[in-house]
Amino acid sequence: MESIRRYFLGLEGKVFLDVACISLVPTQFKEAIQHFLDMTLDCKERDASLHHIAMDQMRNKAYSLTRCRVK
């Protein structure tokens, strides 16, 4: 349990009871979202089409990690 708690910074020294379906975000989620938002600020690809392909690849990786599939 302690190995999981370290990813939830808001739990340090506390017990969090999920009230009204509001939950804490693990650090990995925050970092992934921040990476995506940074990517949307600056098109580092050669063109917009490649930029969208790169975003699609990020999404597909996330889906595969959660066993969801793009239909």
PDB file of N, CA and C in Angstrom:
ATOM      1  N   MET A   1       0.828  -1.190   0.000  1.00  0.00           N
ATOM      2  CA  MET A   1       0.000   0.000   0.000  1.00  0.00           C
ATOM      3  C   MET A   1       0.874   1.256   0.000  1.00  0.00           C
ATOM      4  N   GLU A   2       1.947   1.233   0.741  1.00  0.00           N
ATOM      5  CA  GLU A   2       2.829   2.405   0.795  1.00  0.00           C
ATOM      6  C   GLU A   2       3.441   2.719  -0.564  1.00  0.00           C
ATOM      7  N   SER A   3       3.734   1.679  -1.358  1.00  0.00           N
ATOM      8  CA  SER A   3       4.315   1.922  -2.683  1.00  0.00           C
ATOM      9  C   SER A   3       3.327   2.647  -3.591  1.00  0.00           C
ATOM     10  N   ILE A   4       2.042   2.469  -3.362  1.00  0.00           N
ATOM     11  CA  ILE A   4       1.017   3.152  -4.151  1.00  0.00           C
ATOM     12  C   ILE A   4       0.785   4.560  -3.613  1.00  0.00           C
ATOM     13  N   ARG A   5       0.760   4.718  -2.312  1.00  0.00           N
ATOM     14  CA  ARG A   5       0.497   6.019  -1.696  1.00  0.00           C
ATOM     15  C   ARG A   5       1.487   7.087  -2.143  1.00  0.00           C
ATOM     16  N   ARG A   6       2.695   6.708  -2.481  1.00  0.00           N
ATOM     17  CA  ARG A   6       3.702   7.709  -2.858  1.00  0.00           C
ATOM     18  C   ARG A   6       3.338   8.438  -4.152  1.00  0.00           C
ATOM     19  N   TYR A   7       2.444   7.868  -4.955  1.00  0.00           N
ATOM     20  CA  TYR A   7       2.004   8.518  -6.185  1.00  0.00           C
ATOM     21  C   TYR A   7       0.871   9.519  -5.951  1.00  0.00           C
ATOM     22  N   PHE A   8       0.348   9.575  -4.759  1.00  0.00           N
ATOM     23  CA  PHE A   8      -0.728  10.494  -4.407  1.00  0.00           C
ATOM     24  C   PHE A   8      -0.201  11.470  -3.373  1.00  0.00           C
ATOM     25  N   LEU A   9       0.327  12.589  -3.860  1.00  0.00           N
ATOM     26  CA  LEU A   9       0.992  13.547  -2.972  1.00  0.00           C
ATOM     27  C   LEU A   9       0.047  14.114  -1.922  1.00  0.00           C
ATOM     28  N   GLY A  10      -1.230  14.220  -2.243  1.00  0.00           N
ATOM     29  CA  GLY A  10      -2.209  14.751  -1.307  1.00  0.00           C
ATOM     30  C   GLY A  10      -2.468  13.851  -0.113  1.00  0.00           C
ATOM     31  N   LEU A  11      -1.949  12.628  -0.134  1.00  0.00           N
ATOM     32  CA  LEU A  11      -2.161  11.699   0.986  1.00  0.00           C
ATOM     33  C   LEU A  11      -1.072  11.780   2.049  1.00  0.00           C
ATOM     34  N   GLU A  12      -0.044  12.539   1.778  1.00  0.00           N
ATOM     35  CA  GLU A  12       1.074  12.580   2.725  1.00  0.00           C
ATOM     36  C   GLU A  12       0.604  13.053   4.099  1.00  0.00           C
ATOM     37  N   GLY A  13       0.703  12.168   5.065  1.00  0.00           N
ATOM     38  CA  GLY A  13       0.309  12.481   6.436  1.00  0.00           C
ATOM     39  C   GLY A  13      -1.194  12.563   6.643  1.00  0.00           C
ATOM     40  N   LYS A  14      -1.981  12.057   5.672  1.00  0.00           N
ATOM     41  CA  LYS A  14      -3.437  12.166   5.775  1.00  0.00           C
ATOM     42  C   LYS A  14      -4.107  10.861   5.349  1.00  0.00           C
ATOM     43  N   VAL A  15      -5.362  10.787   5.670  1.00  0.00           N
ATOM     44  CA  VAL A  15      -6.233   9.756   5.126  1.00  0.00           C
ATOM     45  C   VAL A  15      -7.268  10.503   4.301  1.00  0.00           C
ATOM     46  N   PHE A  16      -7.476  10.097   3.059  1.00  0.00           N
ATOM     47  CA  PHE A  16      -8.425  10.767   2.175  1.00  0.00           C
ATOM     48  C   PHE A  16      -9.622   9.863   1.975  1.00  0.00           C
ATOM     49  N   LEU A  17     -10.792  10.378   2.305  1.00  0.00           N
ATOM     50  CA  LEU A  17     -12.027   9.641   2.075  1.00  0.00           C
ATOM     51  C   LEU A  17     -12.696  10.230   0.843  1.00  0.00           C
ATOM     52  N   ASP A  18     -12.941   9.413  -0.167  1.00  0.00           N
ATOM     53  CA  ASP A  18     -13.548   9.859  -1.419  1.00  0.00           C
ATOM     54  C   ASP A  18     -14.983  10.296  -1.148  1.00  0.00           C
ATOM     55  N   VAL A  19     -15.214  11.596  -1.273  1.00  0.00           N
ATOM     56  CA  VAL A  19     -16.531  12.150  -1.022  1.00  0.00           C
ATOM     57  C   VAL A  19     -17.066  12.740  -2.323  1.00  0.00           C
ATOM     58  N   ALA A  20     -18.287  12.409  -2.679  1.00  0.00           N
ATOM     59  CA  ALA A  20     -18.958  12.955  -3.859  1.00  0.00           C
ATOM     60  C   ALA A  20     -18.171  12.680  -5.137  1.00  0.00           C
ATOM     61  N   CYS A  21     -17.519  11.529  -5.190  1.00  0.00           N
ATOM     62  CA  CYS A  21     -16.775  11.105  -6.389  1.00  0.00           C
ATOM     63  C   CYS A  21     -15.655  12.069  -6.764  1.00  0.00           C
ATOM     64  N   ILE A  22     -15.093  12.743  -5.797  1.00  0.00           N
ATOM     65  CA  ILE A  22     -13.937  13.610  -6.029  1.00  0.00           C
ATOM     66  C   ILE A  22     -12.724  12.844  -5.541  1.00  0.00           C
ATOM     67  N   SER A  23     -11.744  12.709  -6.383  1.00  0.00           N
ATOM     68  CA  SER A  23     -10.596  11.898  -6.023  1.00  0.00           C
ATOM     69  C   SER A  23      -9.299  12.648  -6.267  1.00  0.00           C
ATOM     70  N   LEU A  24      -8.244  12.144  -5.721  1.00  0.00           N
ATOM     71  CA  LEU A  24      -6.917  12.707  -5.940  1.00  0.00           C
ATOM     72  C   LEU A  24      -6.312  12.102  -7.203  1.00  0.00           C
ATOM     73  N   VAL A  25      -5.469  12.869  -7.853  1.00  0.00           N
ATOM     74  CA  VAL A  25      -4.830  12.418  -9.081  1.00  0.00           C
ATOM     75  C   VAL A  25      -3.423  11.932  -8.752  1.00  0.00           C
ATOM     76  N   PRO A  26      -3.055  10.741  -9.222  1.00  0.00           N
ATOM     77  CA  PRO A  26      -1.683  10.278  -9.003  1.00  0.00           C
ATOM     78  C   PRO A  26      -0.703  11.111  -9.836  1.00  0.00           C
ATOM     79  N   THR A  27       0.515  11.190  -9.374  1.00  0.00           N
ATOM     80  CA  THR A  27       1.523  12.020 -10.038  1.00  0.00           C
ATOM     81  C   THR A  27       1.732  11.613 -11.494  1.00  0.00           C
ATOM     82  N   GLN A  28       1.639  10.316 -11.817  1.00  0.00           N
ATOM     83  CA  GLN A  28       1.823   9.884 -13.205  1.00  0.00           C
ATOM     84  C   GLN A  28       0.766  10.494 -14.124  1.00  0.00           C
ATOM     85  N   PHE A  29      -0.470  10.613 -13.655  1.00  0.00           N
ATOM     86  CA  PHE A  29      -1.531  11.211 -14.469  1.00  0.00           C
ATOM     87  C   PHE A  29      -1.225  12.672 -14.726  1.00  0.00           C
ATOM     88  N   LYS A  30      -0.841  13.383 -13.667  1.00  0.00           N
ATOM     89  CA  LYS A  30      -0.522  14.806 -13.798  1.00  0.00           C
ATOM     90  C   LYS A  30       0.607  15.009 -14.794  1.00  0.00           C
ATOM     91  N   GLU A  31       1.638  14.187 -14.702  1.00  0.00           N
ATOM     92  CA  GLU A  31       2.781  14.316 -15.609  1.00  0.00           C
ATOM     93  C   GLU A  31       2.381  14.019 -17.052  1.00  0.00           C
ATOM     94  N   ALA A  32       1.548  13.009 -17.265  1.00  0.00           N
ATOM     95  CA  ALA A  32       1.108  12.668 -18.620  1.00  0.00           C
ATOM     96  C   ALA A  32       0.243  13.772 -19.208  1.00  0.00           C
ATOM     97  N   ILE A  33      -0.654  14.310 -18.399  1.00  0.00           N
ATOM     98  CA  ILE A  33      -1.511  15.407 -18.874  1.00  0.00           C
ATOM     99  C   ILE A  33      -0.669  16.632 -19.177  1.00  0.00           C
ATOM    100  N   GLN A  34       0.289  16.937 -18.304  1.00  0.00           N
ATOM    101  CA  GLN A  34       1.163  18.090 -18.536  1.00  0.00           C
ATOM    102  C   GLN A  34       1.971  17.908 -19.815  1.00  0.00           C
ATOM    103  N   HIS A  35       2.464  16.700 -20.056  1.00  0.00           N
ATOM    104  CA  HIS A  35       3.217  16.424 -21.284  1.00  0.00           C
ATOM    105  C   HIS A  35       2.345  16.667 -22.513  1.00  0.00           C
ATOM    106  N   PHE A  36       1.100  16.212 -22.466  1.00  0.00           N
ATOM    107  CA  PHE A  36       0.195  16.419 -23.593  1.00  0.00           C
ATOM    108  C   PHE A  36      -0.091  17.902 -23.788  1.00  0.00           C
ATOM    109  N   LEU A  37      -0.364  18.618 -22.706  1.00  0.00           N
ATOM    110  CA  LEU A  37      -0.641  20.047 -22.827  1.00  0.00           C
ATOM    111  C   LEU A  37       0.560  20.804 -23.377  1.00  0.00           C
ATOM    112  N   ASP A  38       1.759  20.436 -22.936  1.00  0.00           N
ATOM    113  CA  ASP A  38       2.971  21.061 -23.484  1.00  0.00           C
ATOM    114  C   ASP A  38       3.072  20.799 -24.983  1.00  0.00           C
ATOM    115  N   MET A  39       2.706  19.599 -25.394  1.00  0.00           N
ATOM    116  CA  MET A  39       2.763  19.236 -26.809  1.00  0.00           C
ATOM    117  C   MET A  39       1.784  20.075 -27.632  1.00  0.00           C
ATOM    118  N   THR A  40       0.622  20.407 -27.042  1.00  0.00           N
ATOM    119  CA  THR A  40      -0.371  21.188 -27.787  1.00  0.00           C
ATOM    120  C   THR A  40       0.014  22.653 -27.915  1.00  0.00           C
ATOM    121  N   LEU A  41       0.958  23.110 -27.115  1.00  0.00           N
ATOM    122  CA  LEU A  41       1.414  24.499 -27.206  1.00  0.00           C
ATOM    123  C   LEU A  41       2.380  24.726 -28.354  1.00  0.00           C
ATOM    124  N   ASP A  42       3.090  23.699 -28.722  1.00  0.00           N
ATOM    125  CA  ASP A  42       4.162  23.863 -29.693  1.00  0.00           C
ATOM    126  C   ASP A  42       4.173  22.677 -30.654  1.00  0.00           C
ATOM    127  N   CYS A  43       3.957  22.947 -31.905  1.00  0.00           N
ATOM    128  CA  CYS A  43       3.970  21.891 -32.924  1.00  0.00           C
ATOM    129  C   CYS A  43       5.421  21.633 -33.323  1.00  0.00           C
ATOM    130  N   LYS A  44       6.025  20.634 -32.704  1.00  0.00           N
ATOM    131  CA  LYS A  44       7.436  20.336 -32.982  1.00  0.00           C
ATOM    132  C   LYS A  44       7.622  19.462 -34.215  1.00  0.00           C
ATOM    133  N   GLU A  45       6.509  18.943 -34.711  1.00  0.00           N
ATOM    134  CA  GLU A  45       6.575  18.122 -35.917  1.00  0.00           C
ATOM    135  C   GLU A  45       6.744  19.021 -37.138  1.00  0.00           C
ATOM    136  N   ARG A  46       7.073  18.416 -38.255  1.00  0.00           N
ATOM    137  CA  ARG A  46       7.293  19.141 -39.500  1.00  0.00           C
ATOM    138  C   ARG A  46       6.047  19.849 -40.005  1.00  0.00           C
ATOM    139  N   ASP A  47       4.870  19.241 -39.759  1.00  0.00           N
ATOM    140  CA  ASP A  47       3.619  19.844 -40.199  1.00  0.00           C
ATOM    141  C   ASP A  47       2.483  19.398 -39.275  1.00  0.00           C
ATOM    142  N   ALA A  48       1.309  20.000 -39.493  1.00  0.00           N
ATOM    143  CA  ALA A  48       0.167  19.719 -38.616  1.00  0.00           C
ATOM    144  C   ALA A  48      -0.279  18.265 -38.696  1.00  0.00           C
ATOM    145  N   SER A  49      -0.184  17.664 -39.883  1.00  0.00           N
ATOM    146  CA  SER A  49      -0.591  16.257 -40.012  1.00  0.00           C
ATOM    147  C   SER A  49       0.274  15.352 -39.144  1.00  0.00           C
ATOM    148  N   LEU A  50       1.577  15.559 -39.163  1.00  0.00           N
ATOM    149  CA  LEU A  50       2.474  14.753 -38.326  1.00  0.00           C
ATOM    150  C   LEU A  50       2.239  15.032 -36.844  1.00  0.00           C
ATOM    151  N   HIS A  51       1.872  16.269 -36.534  1.00  0.00           N
ATOM    152  CA  HIS A  51       1.553  16.624 -35.145  1.00  0.00           C
ATOM    153  C   HIS A  51       0.344  15.813 -34.669  1.00  0.00           C
ATOM    154  N   HIS A  52      -0.686  15.730 -35.505  1.00  0.00           N
ATOM    155  CA  HIS A  52      -1.880  14.954 -35.151  1.00  0.00           C
ATOM    156  C   HIS A  52      -1.565  13.460 -35.066  1.00  0.00           C
ATOM    157  N   ILE A  53      -0.729  12.983 -35.936  1.00  0.00           N
ATOM    158  CA  ILE A  53      -0.327  11.571 -35.878  1.00  0.00           C
ATOM    159  C   ILE A  53       0.394  11.287 -34.561  1.00  0.00           C
ATOM    160  N   ALA A  54       1.266  12.187 -34.144  1.00  0.00           N
ATOM    161  CA  ALA A  54       1.982  12.018 -32.866  1.00  0.00           C
ATOM    162  C   ALA A  54       0.999  11.997 -31.699  1.00  0.00           C
ATOM    163  N   MET A  55      -0.023  12.870 -31.744  1.00  0.00           N
ATOM    164  CA  MET A  55      -1.037  12.879 -30.681  1.00  0.00           C
ATOM    165  C   MET A  55      -1.841  11.575 -30.701  1.00  0.00           C
ATOM    166  N   ASP A  56      -2.169  11.096 -31.904  1.00  0.00           N
ATOM    167  CA  ASP A  56      -2.891   9.821 -32.013  1.00  0.00           C
ATOM    168  C   ASP A  56      -2.062   8.677 -31.433  1.00  0.00           C
ATOM    169  N   GLN A  57      -0.765   8.698 -31.666  1.00  0.00           N
ATOM    170  CA  GLN A  57       0.103   7.646 -31.123  1.00  0.00           C
ATOM    171  C   GLN A  57       0.125   7.693 -29.598  1.00  0.00           C
ATOM    172  N   MET A  58       0.138   8.903 -29.033  1.00  0.00           N
ATOM    173  CA  MET A  58       0.077   9.028 -27.570  1.00  0.00           C
ATOM    174  C   MET A  58      -1.229   8.434 -27.048  1.00  0.00           C
ATOM    175  N   ARG A  59      -2.336   8.773 -27.708  1.00  0.00           N
ATOM    176  CA  ARG A  59      -3.641   8.273 -27.273  1.00  0.00           C
ATOM    177  C   ARG A  59      -3.696   6.757 -27.380  1.00  0.00           C
ATOM    178  N   ASN A  60      -3.210   6.224 -28.501  1.00  0.00           N
ATOM    179  CA  ASN A  60      -3.247   4.776 -28.693  1.00  0.00           C
ATOM    180  C   ASN A  60      -2.398   4.045 -27.661  1.00  0.00           C
ATOM    181  N   LYS A  61      -1.285   4.637 -27.279  1.00  0.00           N
ATOM    182  CA  LYS A  61      -0.455   4.023 -26.238  1.00  0.00           C
ATOM    183  C   LYS A  61      -1.222   3.979 -24.917  1.00  0.00           C
ATOM    184  N   ALA A  62      -1.894   5.080 -24.591  1.00  0.00           N
ATOM    185  CA  ALA A  62      -2.681   5.117 -23.352  1.00  0.00           C
ATOM    186  C   ALA A  62      -3.801   4.082 -23.394  1.00  0.00           C
ATOM    187  N   TYR A  63      -4.491   3.981 -24.527  1.00  0.00           N
ATOM    188  CA  TYR A  63      -5.547   2.980 -24.653  1.00  0.00           C
ATOM    189  C   TYR A  63      -4.999   1.571 -24.486  1.00  0.00           C
ATOM    190  N   SER A  64      -3.865   1.300 -25.095  1.00  0.00           N
ATOM    191  CA  SER A  64      -3.318  -0.058 -25.004  1.00  0.00           C
ATOM    192  C   SER A  64      -2.885  -0.384 -23.568  1.00  0.00           C
ATOM    193  N   LEU A  65      -2.431   0.621 -22.841  1.00  0.00           N
ATOM    194  CA  LEU A  65      -2.023   0.388 -21.454  1.00  0.00           C
ATOM    195  C   LEU A  65      -3.222   0.105 -20.556  1.00  0.00           C
ATOM    196  N   THR A  66      -4.382   0.615 -20.935  1.00  0.00           N
ATOM    197  CA  THR A  66      -5.575   0.381 -20.130  1.00  0.00           C
ATOM    198  C   THR A  66      -6.472  -0.694 -20.733  1.00  0.00           C
ATOM    199  N   ARG A  67      -5.982  -1.339 -21.789  1.00  0.00           N
ATOM    200  CA  ARG A  67      -6.689  -2.403 -22.489  1.00  0.00           C
ATOM    201  C   ARG A  67      -7.952  -1.929 -23.201  1.00  0.00           C
ATOM    202  N   CYS A  68      -8.057  -0.627 -23.428  1.00  0.00           N
ATOM    203  CA  CYS A  68      -9.157  -0.100 -24.230  1.00  0.00           C
ATOM    204  C   CYS A  68      -8.697  -0.088 -25.680  1.00  0.00           C
ATOM    205  N   ARG A  69      -9.597  -0.043 -26.573  1.00  0.00           N
ATOM    206  CA  ARG A  69      -9.252  -0.022 -27.987  1.00  0.00           C
ATOM    207  C   ARG A  69     -10.016   1.095 -28.684  1.00  0.00           C
ATOM    208  N   VAL A  70      -9.344   1.764 -29.603  1.00  0.00           N
ATOM    209  CA  VAL A  70      -9.996   2.772 -30.428  1.00  0.00           C
ATOM    210  C   VAL A  70     -10.863   2.050 -31.443  1.00  0.00           C
ATOM    211  N   LYS A  71     -12.094   2.467 -31.560  1.00  0.00           N
ATOM    212  CA  LYS A  71     -13.010   1.813 -32.503  1.00  0.00           C
ATOM    213  C   LYS A  71     -13.142   2.618 -33.755  1.00  0.00           C
TER     214      LYS A  71
END
